[in-house]
Structure formats: C-alpha cells, structure tokens
Protein backbone atom coordinates (compact mmCIF):
# COMPACT_ATOMS: atom_id res chain seq x y z
CA PHE A 1 123.92 178.25 -10.61
CA ARG A 2 125.50 180.08 -13.54
CA ASN A 3 127.51 182.54 -11.41
CA LEU A 4 128.51 180.01 -8.75
CA SER A 5 131.32 178.13 -10.46
CA ASN A 6 132.94 177.15 -7.12
CA PHE A 7 129.67 176.06 -5.51
CA ASP A 8 130.04 172.49 -4.24
CA GLU A 9 127.15 171.65 -1.87
CA LEU A 10 123.36 171.97 -1.98
CA ARG A 11 120.86 171.02 0.69
CA ILE A 12 117.31 171.64 -0.42
CA TYR A 13 114.02 171.09 1.43
CA LEU A 14 111.16 170.32 -0.91
CA ALA A 15 107.46 170.88 -0.45
CA ASP A 16 106.52 171.05 -4.13
CA ASP A 17 107.61 169.08 -7.18
CA ILE A 18 110.93 170.12 -8.67
CA GLN A 19 112.86 168.81 -11.63
CA PHE A 20 116.63 168.65 -11.38
CA ASN A 21 118.13 168.83 -14.86
CA ARG A 22 121.49 169.07 -16.62
CA GLU A 23 120.99 172.69 -17.64
CA MET A 24 120.49 173.73 -14.02
CA PHE A 25 123.72 172.06 -12.87
CA GLN A 26 125.90 172.58 -15.95
CA PRO A 27 128.15 175.26 -14.38
CA LEU A 28 128.80 172.82 -11.52
CA PHE A 29 129.68 169.66 -13.45
CA TYR A 30 133.32 169.70 -12.31
CA THR A 31 133.02 171.20 -8.81
CA PHE A 32 129.78 169.95 -7.27
CA LYS A 33 130.33 167.40 -4.46
CA LYS A 34 127.20 167.09 -2.33
CA LEU A 35 123.47 166.97 -3.14
CA ASP A 36 121.20 166.58 -0.14
CA ILE A 37 117.46 166.53 -0.85
CA ALA A 38 115.10 166.63 2.12
CA CYS A 39 111.32 166.80 2.34
CA TYR A 40 108.67 168.12 4.64
CA THR A 41 106.46 165.10 3.93
CA ASP A 42 106.84 161.30 3.85
CA PHE A 43 106.91 161.32 0.07
CA CYS A 44 109.28 163.63 -1.74
CA PRO A 45 108.12 165.11 -5.07
CA TYR A 46 111.17 165.49 -7.30
CA THR A 47 112.45 164.29 -10.65
CA ILE A 48 116.07 163.83 -11.65
CA GLN A 49 116.59 164.09 -15.40
CA PRO A 50 118.39 161.11 -16.99
CA ASN A 51 122.15 161.67 -17.37
CA LEU A 52 122.29 164.40 -14.74
CA LEU A 53 123.96 162.30 -12.05
CA LYS A 54 126.64 160.94 -14.36
CA SER A 55 127.45 164.52 -15.41
CA LEU A 56 128.32 165.44 -11.82
CA THR A 57 131.67 163.69 -12.02
CA HIS A 58 132.98 165.03 -8.68
CA LEU A 59 129.84 164.11 -6.73
CA GLN A 60 130.82 162.48 -3.42
CA THR A 61 127.64 162.57 -1.32
CA LEU A 62 124.04 162.01 -2.41
CA ASN A 63 120.93 161.94 -0.24
CA LEU A 64 117.77 160.90 -2.10
CA PRO A 65 114.60 160.51 -0.02
CA ASN A 66 111.54 158.41 -0.86
CA ASN A 67 110.31 159.07 -4.39
CA GLN A 68 108.20 157.02 -6.79
CA HIS A 69 109.97 158.34 -9.92
CA PHE A 70 113.50 157.40 -8.93
CA LYS A 71 114.40 153.70 -8.91
CA SER A 72 117.47 151.92 -7.59
CA ALA A 73 118.45 150.96 -11.17
CA ASP A 74 118.79 154.70 -11.91
CA LEU A 75 121.72 154.76 -9.51
CA ALA A 76 123.89 153.09 -12.18
CA GLU A 77 124.63 156.63 -13.40
CA LEU A 78 126.64 157.16 -10.22
CA ARG A 79 129.41 154.87 -11.49
CA HIS A 80 130.67 157.94 -13.40
CA THR A 81 131.06 159.89 -10.14
CA GLN A 82 133.26 159.75 -7.05
CA ILE A 83 130.32 158.89 -4.79
CA GLN A 84 131.44 157.90 -1.28
CA GLU A 85 128.25 158.42 0.74
CA LEU A 86 124.80 157.41 -0.47
CA HIS A 87 121.44 157.75 1.28
CA PHE A 88 118.66 156.06 -0.66
CA PHE A 89 115.16 154.59 -0.23
CA VAL A 90 114.17 151.16 -1.55
CA LEU A 91 111.09 149.07 -0.73
CA ASN A 92 112.70 145.62 -0.65
CA ILE A 93 116.29 144.51 -0.29
CA THR A 94 117.57 141.94 -2.78
CA SER A 95 120.70 141.71 -4.87
CA ASP A 96 118.53 142.76 -7.85
CA THR A 97 117.25 145.97 -6.22
CA LEU A 98 120.81 146.99 -5.37
CA VAL A 99 122.26 146.31 -8.82
CA GLY A 100 122.57 150.06 -9.43
CA VAL A 101 125.12 150.49 -6.65
CA LYS A 102 127.31 147.47 -7.34
CA ASP A 103 129.83 149.36 -9.51
CA LEU A 104 130.32 152.28 -7.13
CA LYS A 105 133.98 151.63 -6.36
CA PHE A 106 134.38 154.68 -4.07
CA LEU A 107 131.25 154.00 -1.98
CA LYS A 108 132.15 153.68 1.71
CA TYR A 109 128.97 154.70 3.55
CA PHE A 110 125.53 153.44 2.52
CA TYR A 111 122.41 154.58 4.37
CA LEU A 112 119.46 152.60 3.08
CA GLU A 113 115.90 153.38 4.09
CA THR A 114 113.64 150.41 3.51
CA PHE A 115 110.32 148.86 4.43
CA ALA A 116 111.69 145.38 3.85
CA GLU A 117 110.64 142.66 6.27
CA SER A 118 113.36 140.25 5.19
CA MET A 119 116.72 140.21 3.49
CA GLN A 120 117.77 137.53 1.05
CA ALA A 121 121.14 135.81 1.10
CA ASN A 122 123.86 137.75 -0.73
CA SER A 123 121.79 140.96 -0.86
CA PHE A 124 124.95 143.04 -0.37
CA SER A 125 127.51 140.70 -1.94
CA ASN A 126 128.56 143.26 -4.57
CA LEU A 127 129.40 145.92 -1.98
CA SER A 128 132.68 144.56 -0.62
CA GLN A 129 134.23 148.06 -0.36
CA LEU A 130 131.63 149.39 2.13
CA ASN A 131 132.86 150.44 5.57
CA LYS A 132 129.48 151.39 7.03
CA LEU A 133 125.97 150.15 6.27
CA VAL A 134 122.87 151.62 7.91
CA LEU A 135 119.47 150.02 7.34
CA SER A 136 116.73 152.32 8.59
CA ASP A 137 112.94 152.33 8.90
CA GLY A 138 112.91 148.59 8.36
CA LEU A 139 110.52 146.09 9.75
CA ILE A 140 113.15 143.39 9.29
CA LYS A 141 111.99 140.18 10.91
CA ASN A 142 113.93 137.68 8.82
CA LEU A 143 117.62 137.81 7.99
CA GLN A 144 118.48 134.92 5.71
CA ASN A 145 121.79 133.17 6.20
CA LYS A 146 124.59 135.06 4.42
CA ALA A 147 122.55 138.26 4.03
CA PHE A 148 125.75 140.26 4.57
CA SER A 149 128.22 137.86 2.92
CA GLY A 150 130.92 139.36 0.73
CA MET A 151 131.19 142.57 2.75
CA SER A 152 134.86 142.14 3.67
CA SER A 153 135.51 145.85 4.41
CA LEU A 154 132.45 146.39 6.63
CA THR A 155 133.37 147.81 10.04
CA ARG A 156 129.96 149.18 11.12
CA LEU A 157 126.48 147.78 10.66
CA LEU A 158 123.46 149.62 12.09
CA LEU A 159 119.97 148.15 11.94
CA GLU A 160 117.42 150.82 12.95
CA GLN A 161 113.67 150.61 13.24
C-alpha cells in the first residue's frame, strides 16, 4: 500500500492463509477506515499481527470472520481506534468473552456471529453505547434474565438463526 496514502477501505476475499502485518499497512496508519475480510469457506485462514489494529487509529469498521488464531481478547487493541462497526465471531457469549470490546467508546453497531446456545446475565452490560446488536448463526435456546441489561442506548436487536 506504499503508493496509496489516501486509501481508506479494503475488502478482501481469502482462500489461502494471509498474514496482515504493520509493515503492510504502515502507509495507511492515519487514513485507513474500513477492513472487511471475507472467506470462501466456513473457516477463514488469516493472522493479524499483534499491534496492527491499534496502529490503525482511524479505523471505523472491522469485519473479522471465523478464525482460530484471533480471539475476542485481541480486540482490546481496538480501544486505540475510532471503531464504530464491528463484525466478529465468538463461540460462546459471556461477559468474559466480550471483555475485549468493553472499552470501545465509539462502537455503535455490533454484529456477533456465535454458536452459543445460551446467554448469561449481563453478557453485554459493558456495551451501553451500542445502538444496534445483531446475533447471528446462533442456536440460542436459553436467554438468562438480564442478558441485555445495561444496554441503555440499544434501539435495534436482531436475533438471527
């Protein structure tokens, strides 16, 4: 991206493993706003180098499909960005698995793919600024009391199977 200093959005479809690193994105640290990773398979083979996400300080939208190398705790790097929209995969929904997104003060739209069958009380309590929450691919059979407590700004909730 060396000669693309005004480049601000990337949508990439992956079939093979790719490593996203700081060197690759360095010319874009102050302009890049949207990273959208998509896959041709159910499992997406990619690696995001530590400290890359926090270097993208103007990042507003991030779409990360299912990947065994990337964990929800890794999302803590996003607190250094301006992230407003986040699409992420997590196996189970608890307040512990979402700890990486709790400090994202600009986050308004959260699209969460999950295979969770139940949601614990207060799972989203640290996300009071969210306007829209989408839970997709879930097999949710059990919503514990107060699963969505603390979400005072929520205007839209979509539960998709």
